[in-house]
Amino acid sequence: MTREEGIAERFGLVGDWAAAATRSGEGLLDPHAIVADAMVRYPKQFGPAATVADVRVQFGDDHVLAALLVDDGRLQTVVERGDLTARLPRIARAADIGTLSGRTVLPDADLRATWALMRSVGRRRLAVVTDRGYLLGLLCLKRSGLGFCSDAGVSARAAERLSTPTADEAPETQMLPLTSVARAVAL
């Protein structure tokens, strides 16, 4: 089985659609690159005791599309926003909700083929795991679909969030009337 066929099988793609989905994408990526070359190596993780409420808090950041639940280094499940229905109790174990099916990829998988598959099925996050299920990282397709997130980019966004005051931290700056701001700028 080729790498492309393995990736197509992991996504559950068959026939002509699988063949079309594994074609490389417009010369965007190095033809010899593998998933491990582009993965985020330090993704956010939850332990096995995490609750639905814990995961919902993480999804407050619009860059977060998947929650990785890990126990002793092994990926237990991947929870996506759509998995969290309104009926789920806040105290439910998040590990019981997601799935690994179609949400994982091996580190040595062909990056171009994986990118093409992610785009074809509309998936922007894949957990990168060993053949024994140990979490190595997260492959994060950018919103544009034209590249992958990096550890440096993730760190920069985290630092930016920490340096930007929230409404709770600086309510006076959030509530200034426009005329007051105009006067302050004019001075």
C-alpha atoms as a PDB file:
ATOM      1  CA  MET A   1       0.000   0.000   0.000  1.00  0.00           C
ATOM      2  CA  THR A   2       1.339   3.449  -0.922  1.00  0.00           C
ATOM      3  CA  ARG A   3       1.415   6.335   1.574  1.00  0.00           C
ATOM      4  CA  GLU A   4      -1.401   8.015  -0.323  1.00  0.00           C
ATOM      5  CA  GLU A   5      -3.551   4.867  -0.190  1.00  0.00           C
ATOM      6  CA  GLY A   6      -2.856   4.588   3.544  1.00  0.00           C
ATOM      7  CA  ILE A   7      -3.924   8.177   4.126  1.00  0.00           C
ATOM      8  CA  ALA A   8      -7.032   7.714   1.980  1.00  0.00           C
ATOM      9  CA  GLU A   9      -7.885   4.590   3.978  1.00  0.00           C
ATOM     10  CA  ARG A  10      -7.399   6.446   7.278  1.00  0.00           C
ATOM     11  CA  PHE A  11      -9.893   9.084   6.075  1.00  0.00           C
ATOM     12  CA  GLY A  12     -12.280   6.447   4.756  1.00  0.00           C
ATOM     13  CA  LEU A  13     -11.937   7.669   1.158  1.00  0.00           C
ATOM     14  CA  VAL A  14     -12.322   5.137  -1.649  1.00  0.00           C
ATOM     15  CA  GLY A  15     -12.329   4.891  -5.417  1.00  0.00           C
ATOM     16  CA  ASP A  16     -11.848   7.825  -7.782  1.00  0.00           C
ATOM     17  CA  TRP A  17     -12.483  10.376  -5.058  1.00  0.00           C
ATOM     18  CA  ALA A  18      -9.581   8.990  -3.005  1.00  0.00           C
ATOM     19  CA  ALA A  19      -7.297   9.099  -6.049  1.00  0.00           C
ATOM     20  CA  ALA A  20      -8.258  12.690  -6.809  1.00  0.00           C
ATOM     21  CA  ALA A  21      -7.869  13.740  -3.189  1.00  0.00           C
ATOM     22  CA  THR A  22      -4.311  12.405  -2.975  1.00  0.00           C
ATOM     23  CA  ARG A  23      -2.987  14.416  -5.932  1.00  0.00           C
ATOM     24  CA  SER A  24      -0.430  16.978  -4.874  1.00  0.00           C
ATOM     25  CA  GLY A  25      -1.512  20.545  -4.412  1.00  0.00           C
ATOM     26  CA  GLU A  26      -0.233  23.149  -6.857  1.00  0.00           C
ATOM     27  CA  GLY A  27       3.457  22.842  -5.971  1.00  0.00           C
ATOM     28  CA  LEU A  28       2.821  24.413  -2.557  1.00  0.00           C
ATOM     29  CA  LEU A  29       4.904  21.925  -0.583  1.00  0.00           C
ATOM     30  CA  ASP A  30       8.241  20.191  -0.836  1.00  0.00           C
ATOM     31  CA  PRO A  31       7.542  16.908  -2.685  1.00  0.00           C
ATOM     32  CA  HIS A  32       9.616  14.989  -0.135  1.00  0.00           C
ATOM     33  CA  ALA A  33       8.113  16.549   2.999  1.00  0.00           C
ATOM     34  CA  ILE A  34       6.406  14.373   5.574  1.00  0.00           C
ATOM     35  CA  VAL A  35       3.794  15.286   8.173  1.00  0.00           C
ATOM     36  CA  ALA A  36       6.395  15.450  10.970  1.00  0.00           C
ATOM     37  CA  ASP A  37       8.079  18.313   9.086  1.00  0.00           C
ATOM     38  CA  ALA A  38       5.006  20.545   9.422  1.00  0.00           C
ATOM     39  CA  MET A  39       3.366  19.539  12.694  1.00  0.00           C
ATOM     40  CA  VAL A  40       3.069  21.703  15.774  1.00  0.00           C
ATOM     41  CA  ARG A  41       5.179  19.871  18.337  1.00  0.00           C
ATOM     42  CA  TYR A  42       3.648  21.339  21.488  1.00  0.00           C
ATOM     43  CA  PRO A  43      -0.127  21.275  21.022  1.00  0.00           C
ATOM     44  CA  LYS A  44      -2.510  21.992  23.872  1.00  0.00           C
ATOM     45  CA  GLN A  45      -3.537  18.783  25.610  1.00  0.00           C
ATOM     46  CA  PHE A  46      -6.032  17.623  28.186  1.00  0.00           C
ATOM     47  CA  GLY A  47      -5.671  14.763  30.626  1.00  0.00           C
ATOM     48  CA  PRO A  48      -8.168  11.903  30.883  1.00  0.00           C
ATOM     49  CA  ALA A  49     -10.176  13.633  33.645  1.00  0.00           C
ATOM     50  CA  ALA A  50     -11.049  16.682  31.499  1.00  0.00           C
ATOM     51  CA  THR A  51     -14.719  17.570  31.327  1.00  0.00           C
ATOM     52  CA  VAL A  52     -16.937  18.950  28.592  1.00  0.00           C
ATOM     53  CA  ALA A  53     -16.770  22.316  30.405  1.00  0.00           C
ATOM     54  CA  ASP A  54     -12.947  22.270  30.231  1.00  0.00           C
ATOM     55  CA  VAL A  55     -12.998  21.645  26.495  1.00  0.00           C
ATOM     56  CA  ARG A  56     -15.652  24.291  25.854  1.00  0.00           C
ATOM     57  CA  VAL A  57     -13.388  26.875  27.514  1.00  0.00           C
ATOM     58  CA  GLN A  58     -10.561  25.953  25.120  1.00  0.00           C
ATOM     59  CA  PHE A  59     -12.921  26.338  22.157  1.00  0.00           C
ATOM     60  CA  GLY A  60     -13.429  29.976  23.195  1.00  0.00           C
ATOM     61  CA  ASP A  61     -10.288  30.642  21.115  1.00  0.00           C
ATOM     62  CA  ASP A  62     -11.355  30.554  17.459  1.00  0.00           C
ATOM     63  CA  HIS A  63      -7.965  29.110  16.450  1.00  0.00           C
ATOM     64  CA  VAL A  64      -8.658  25.984  18.502  1.00  0.00           C
ATOM     65  CA  LEU A  65     -10.531  23.439  16.410  1.00  0.00           C
ATOM     66  CA  ALA A  66      -9.615  20.227  18.209  1.00  0.00           C
ATOM     67  CA  ALA A  67      -9.030  19.159  21.809  1.00  0.00           C
ATOM     68  CA  LEU A  68      -6.517  16.364  22.317  1.00  0.00           C
ATOM     69  CA  LEU A  69      -7.183  14.096  25.293  1.00  0.00           C
ATOM     70  CA  VAL A  70      -4.067  12.222  26.325  1.00  0.00           C
ATOM     71  CA  ASP A  71      -3.338   9.622  29.000  1.00  0.00           C
ATOM     72  CA  ASP A  72       0.307   8.706  29.709  1.00  0.00           C
ATOM     73  CA  GLY A  73       1.336  10.059  26.318  1.00  0.00           C
ATOM     74  CA  ARG A  74      -1.267   8.097  24.358  1.00  0.00           C
ATOM     75  CA  LEU A  75      -3.947   9.930  22.471  1.00  0.00           C
ATOM     76  CA  GLN A  76      -7.326   8.770  23.782  1.00  0.00           C
ATOM     77  CA  THR A  77      -9.590  10.876  21.592  1.00  0.00           C
ATOM     78  CA  VAL A  78      -9.849  14.037  19.532  1.00  0.00           C
ATOM     79  CA  VAL A  79     -12.842  16.235  20.358  1.00  0.00           C
ATOM     80  CA  GLU A  80     -14.004  18.764  17.785  1.00  0.00           C
ATOM     81  CA  ARG A  81     -16.511  21.590  18.251  1.00  0.00           C
ATOM     82  CA  GLY A  82     -19.253  19.621  16.525  1.00  0.00           C
ATOM     83  CA  ASP A  83     -18.877  16.793  19.053  1.00  0.00           C
ATOM     84  CA  LEU A  84     -20.016  19.079  21.882  1.00  0.00           C
ATOM     85  CA  THR A  85     -23.776  19.105  21.620  1.00  0.00           C
ATOM     86  CA  ALA A  86     -25.844  21.358  23.870  1.00  0.00           C
ATOM     87  CA  ARG A  87     -27.324  18.303  25.618  1.00  0.00           C
ATOM     88  CA  LEU A  88     -23.972  17.169  27.012  1.00  0.00           C
ATOM     89  CA  PRO A  89     -23.649  17.836  30.733  1.00  0.00           C
ATOM     90  CA  ARG A  90     -20.797  20.161  31.700  1.00  0.00           C
ATOM     91  CA  ILE A  91     -19.366  17.497  34.000  1.00  0.00           C
ATOM     92  CA  ALA A  92     -19.344  14.716  31.372  1.00  0.00           C
ATOM     93  CA  ARG A  93     -15.929  13.218  30.671  1.00  0.00           C
ATOM     94  CA  ALA A  94     -14.623  14.702  27.422  1.00  0.00           C
ATOM     95  CA  ALA A  95     -12.664  11.493  26.751  1.00  0.00           C
ATOM     96  CA  ASP A  96     -15.965   9.697  26.128  1.00  0.00           C
ATOM     97  CA  ILE A  97     -17.087  12.110  23.413  1.00  0.00           C
ATOM     98  CA  GLY A  98     -14.635  12.446  20.524  1.00  0.00           C
ATOM     99  CA  THR A  99     -13.095   9.883  18.200  1.00  0.00           C
ATOM    100  CA  LEU A 100      -9.767   9.001  16.631  1.00  0.00           C
ATOM    101  CA  SER A 101     -11.312   7.825  13.367  1.00  0.00           C
ATOM    102  CA  GLY A 102     -10.330  10.199  10.571  1.00  0.00           C
ATOM    103  CA  ARG A 103      -8.611  12.532  13.025  1.00  0.00           C
ATOM    104  CA  THR A 104      -5.099  11.092  13.183  1.00  0.00           C
ATOM    105  CA  VAL A 105      -2.170  10.699  10.828  1.00  0.00           C
ATOM    106  CA  LEU A 106       1.244   9.027  11.070  1.00  0.00           C
ATOM    107  CA  PRO A 107       4.329  11.275  11.198  1.00  0.00           C
ATOM    108  CA  ASP A 108       5.903   9.751   8.080  1.00  0.00           C
ATOM    109  CA  ALA A 109       2.817  10.241   5.900  1.00  0.00           C
ATOM    110  CA  ASP A 110       3.393  12.256   2.737  1.00  0.00           C
ATOM    111  CA  LEU A 111       2.654  15.896   3.573  1.00  0.00           C
ATOM    112  CA  ARG A 112       1.392  16.844   0.106  1.00  0.00           C
ATOM    113  CA  ALA A 113      -1.061  13.949   0.034  1.00  0.00           C
ATOM    114  CA  THR A 114      -2.207  14.681   3.585  1.00  0.00           C
ATOM    115  CA  TRP A 115      -2.687  18.365   2.741  1.00  0.00           C
ATOM    116  CA  ALA A 116      -4.777  17.447  -0.316  1.00  0.00           C
ATOM    117  CA  LEU A 117      -6.923  15.093   1.750  1.00  0.00           C
ATOM    118  CA  MET A 118      -7.444  17.624   4.515  1.00  0.00           C
ATOM    119  CA  ARG A 119      -8.610  20.183   1.975  1.00  0.00           C
ATOM    120  CA  SER A 120     -10.863  17.721   0.174  1.00  0.00           C
ATOM    121  CA  VAL A 121     -12.706  16.650   3.335  1.00  0.00           C
ATOM    122  CA  GLY A 122     -12.673  20.057   5.035  1.00  0.00           C
ATOM    123  CA  ARG A 123     -10.543  18.980   7.991  1.00  0.00           C
ATOM    124  CA  ARG A 124      -8.065  21.495   9.387  1.00  0.00           C
ATOM    125  CA  ARG A 125      -6.600  19.521  12.293  1.00  0.00           C
ATOM    126  CA  LEU A 126      -5.059  16.052  12.492  1.00  0.00           C
ATOM    127  CA  ALA A 127      -3.370  14.606  15.557  1.00  0.00           C
ATOM    128  CA  VAL A 128       0.024  13.151  14.659  1.00  0.00           C
ATOM    129  CA  VAL A 129       0.535   9.827  16.407  1.00  0.00           C
ATOM    130  CA  THR A 130       2.905   6.865  16.356  1.00  0.00           C
ATOM    131  CA  ASP A 131       1.643   3.499  15.191  1.00  0.00           C
ATOM    132  CA  ARG A 132       1.077   2.710  18.892  1.00  0.00           C
ATOM    133  CA  GLY A 133      -1.042   5.793  19.448  1.00  0.00           C
ATOM    134  CA  TYR A 134       1.440   8.074  21.211  1.00  0.00           C
ATOM    135  CA  LEU A 135       0.823  11.752  20.500  1.00  0.00           C
ATOM    136  CA  LEU A 136       3.680  13.486  18.694  1.00  0.00           C
ATOM    137  CA  GLY A 137       2.037  16.710  17.592  1.00  0.00           C
ATOM    138  CA  LEU A 138      -0.788  18.340  15.678  1.00  0.00           C
ATOM    139  CA  LEU A 139      -0.981  19.104  11.971  1.00  0.00           C
ATOM    140  CA  CYS A 140      -2.825  22.422  11.713  1.00  0.00           C
ATOM    141  CA  LEU A 141      -3.945  23.604   8.303  1.00  0.00           C
ATOM    142  CA  LYS A 142      -4.191  27.391   8.222  1.00  0.00           C
ATOM    143  CA  ARG A 143      -7.590  28.985   7.612  1.00  0.00           C
ATOM    144  CA  SER A 144      -6.465  29.906   4.081  1.00  0.00           C
ATOM    145  CA  GLY A 145      -5.669  26.254   3.369  1.00  0.00           C
ATOM    146  CA  LEU A 146      -2.338  27.326   1.886  1.00  0.00           C
ATOM    147  CA  GLY A 147       0.024  26.227   4.632  1.00  0.00           C
ATOM    148  CA  PHE A 148       0.390  24.870   8.129  1.00  0.00           C
ATOM    149  CA  CYS A 149       0.621  26.502  11.541  1.00  0.00           C
ATOM    150  CA  SER A 150       4.022  26.476  13.250  1.00  0.00           C
ATOM    151  CA  ASP A 151       5.146  26.337  16.863  1.00  0.00           C
ATOM    152  CA  ALA A 152       6.447  29.912  16.487  1.00  0.00           C
ATOM    153  CA  GLY A 153       3.101  31.146  15.165  1.00  0.00           C
ATOM    154  CA  VAL A 154       1.159  29.429  17.945  1.00  0.00           C
ATOM    155  CA  SER A 155       3.512  30.915  20.547  1.00  0.00           C
ATOM    156  CA  ALA A 156       3.182  34.397  19.046  1.00  0.00           C
ATOM    157  CA  ARG A 157      -0.639  34.217  19.181  1.00  0.00           C
ATOM    158  CA  ALA A 158      -0.490  33.052  22.804  1.00  0.00           C
ATOM    159  CA  ALA A 159       1.827  35.934  23.729  1.00  0.00           C
ATOM    160  CA  GLU A 160      -0.460  38.390  21.929  1.00  0.00           C
ATOM    161  CA  ARG A 161      -3.485  37.118  23.862  1.00  0.00           C
ATOM    162  CA  LEU A 162      -1.599  37.534  27.140  1.00  0.00           C
ATOM    163  CA  SER A 163      -0.600  41.111  26.319  1.00  0.00           C
ATOM    164  CA  THR A 164      -4.086  42.204  25.219  1.00  0.00           C
ATOM    165  CA  PRO A 165      -6.280  43.191  28.181  1.00  0.00           C
ATOM    166  CA  THR A 166      -9.715  41.609  28.349  1.00  0.00           C
ATOM    167  CA  ALA A 167     -12.909  43.494  29.174  1.00  0.00           C
ATOM    168  CA  ASP A 168     -12.613  42.251  32.777  1.00  0.00           C
ATOM    169  CA  GLU A 169      -9.031  43.489  33.159  1.00  0.00           C
ATOM    170  CA  ALA A 170      -9.514  46.991  31.705  1.00  0.00           C
ATOM    171  CA  PRO A 171     -13.198  47.884  31.581  1.00  0.00           C
ATOM    172  CA  GLU A 172     -12.504  51.619  31.311  1.00  0.00           C
ATOM    173  CA  THR A 173     -10.732  51.169  27.983  1.00  0.00           C
ATOM    174  CA  GLN A 174     -13.586  49.040  26.698  1.00  0.00           C
ATOM    175  CA  MET A 175     -16.273  51.541  27.640  1.00  0.00           C
ATOM    176  CA  LEU A 176     -14.861  54.932  26.573  1.00  0.00           C
ATOM    177  CA  PRO A 177     -17.313  56.791  24.368  1.00  0.00           C
ATOM    178  CA  LEU A 178     -16.023  57.574  20.910  1.00  0.00           C
ATOM    179  CA  THR A 179     -15.984  61.305  21.632  1.00  0.00           C
ATOM    180  CA  SER A 180     -13.635  60.772  24.598  1.00  0.00           C
ATOM    181  CA  VAL A 181     -11.267  58.770  22.428  1.00  0.00           C
ATOM    182  CA  ALA A 182     -11.304  61.505  19.766  1.00  0.00           C
ATOM    183  CA  ARG A 183     -10.521  64.175  22.393  1.00  0.00           C
ATOM    184  CA  ALA A 184      -7.661  62.105  23.829  1.00  0.00           C
ATOM    185  CA  VAL A 185      -6.142  61.602  20.376  1.00  0.00           C
ATOM    186  CA  ALA A 186      -6.443  65.349  19.603  1.00  0.00           C
ATOM    187  CA  LEU A 187      -4.507  66.239  22.797  1.00  0.00           C
END
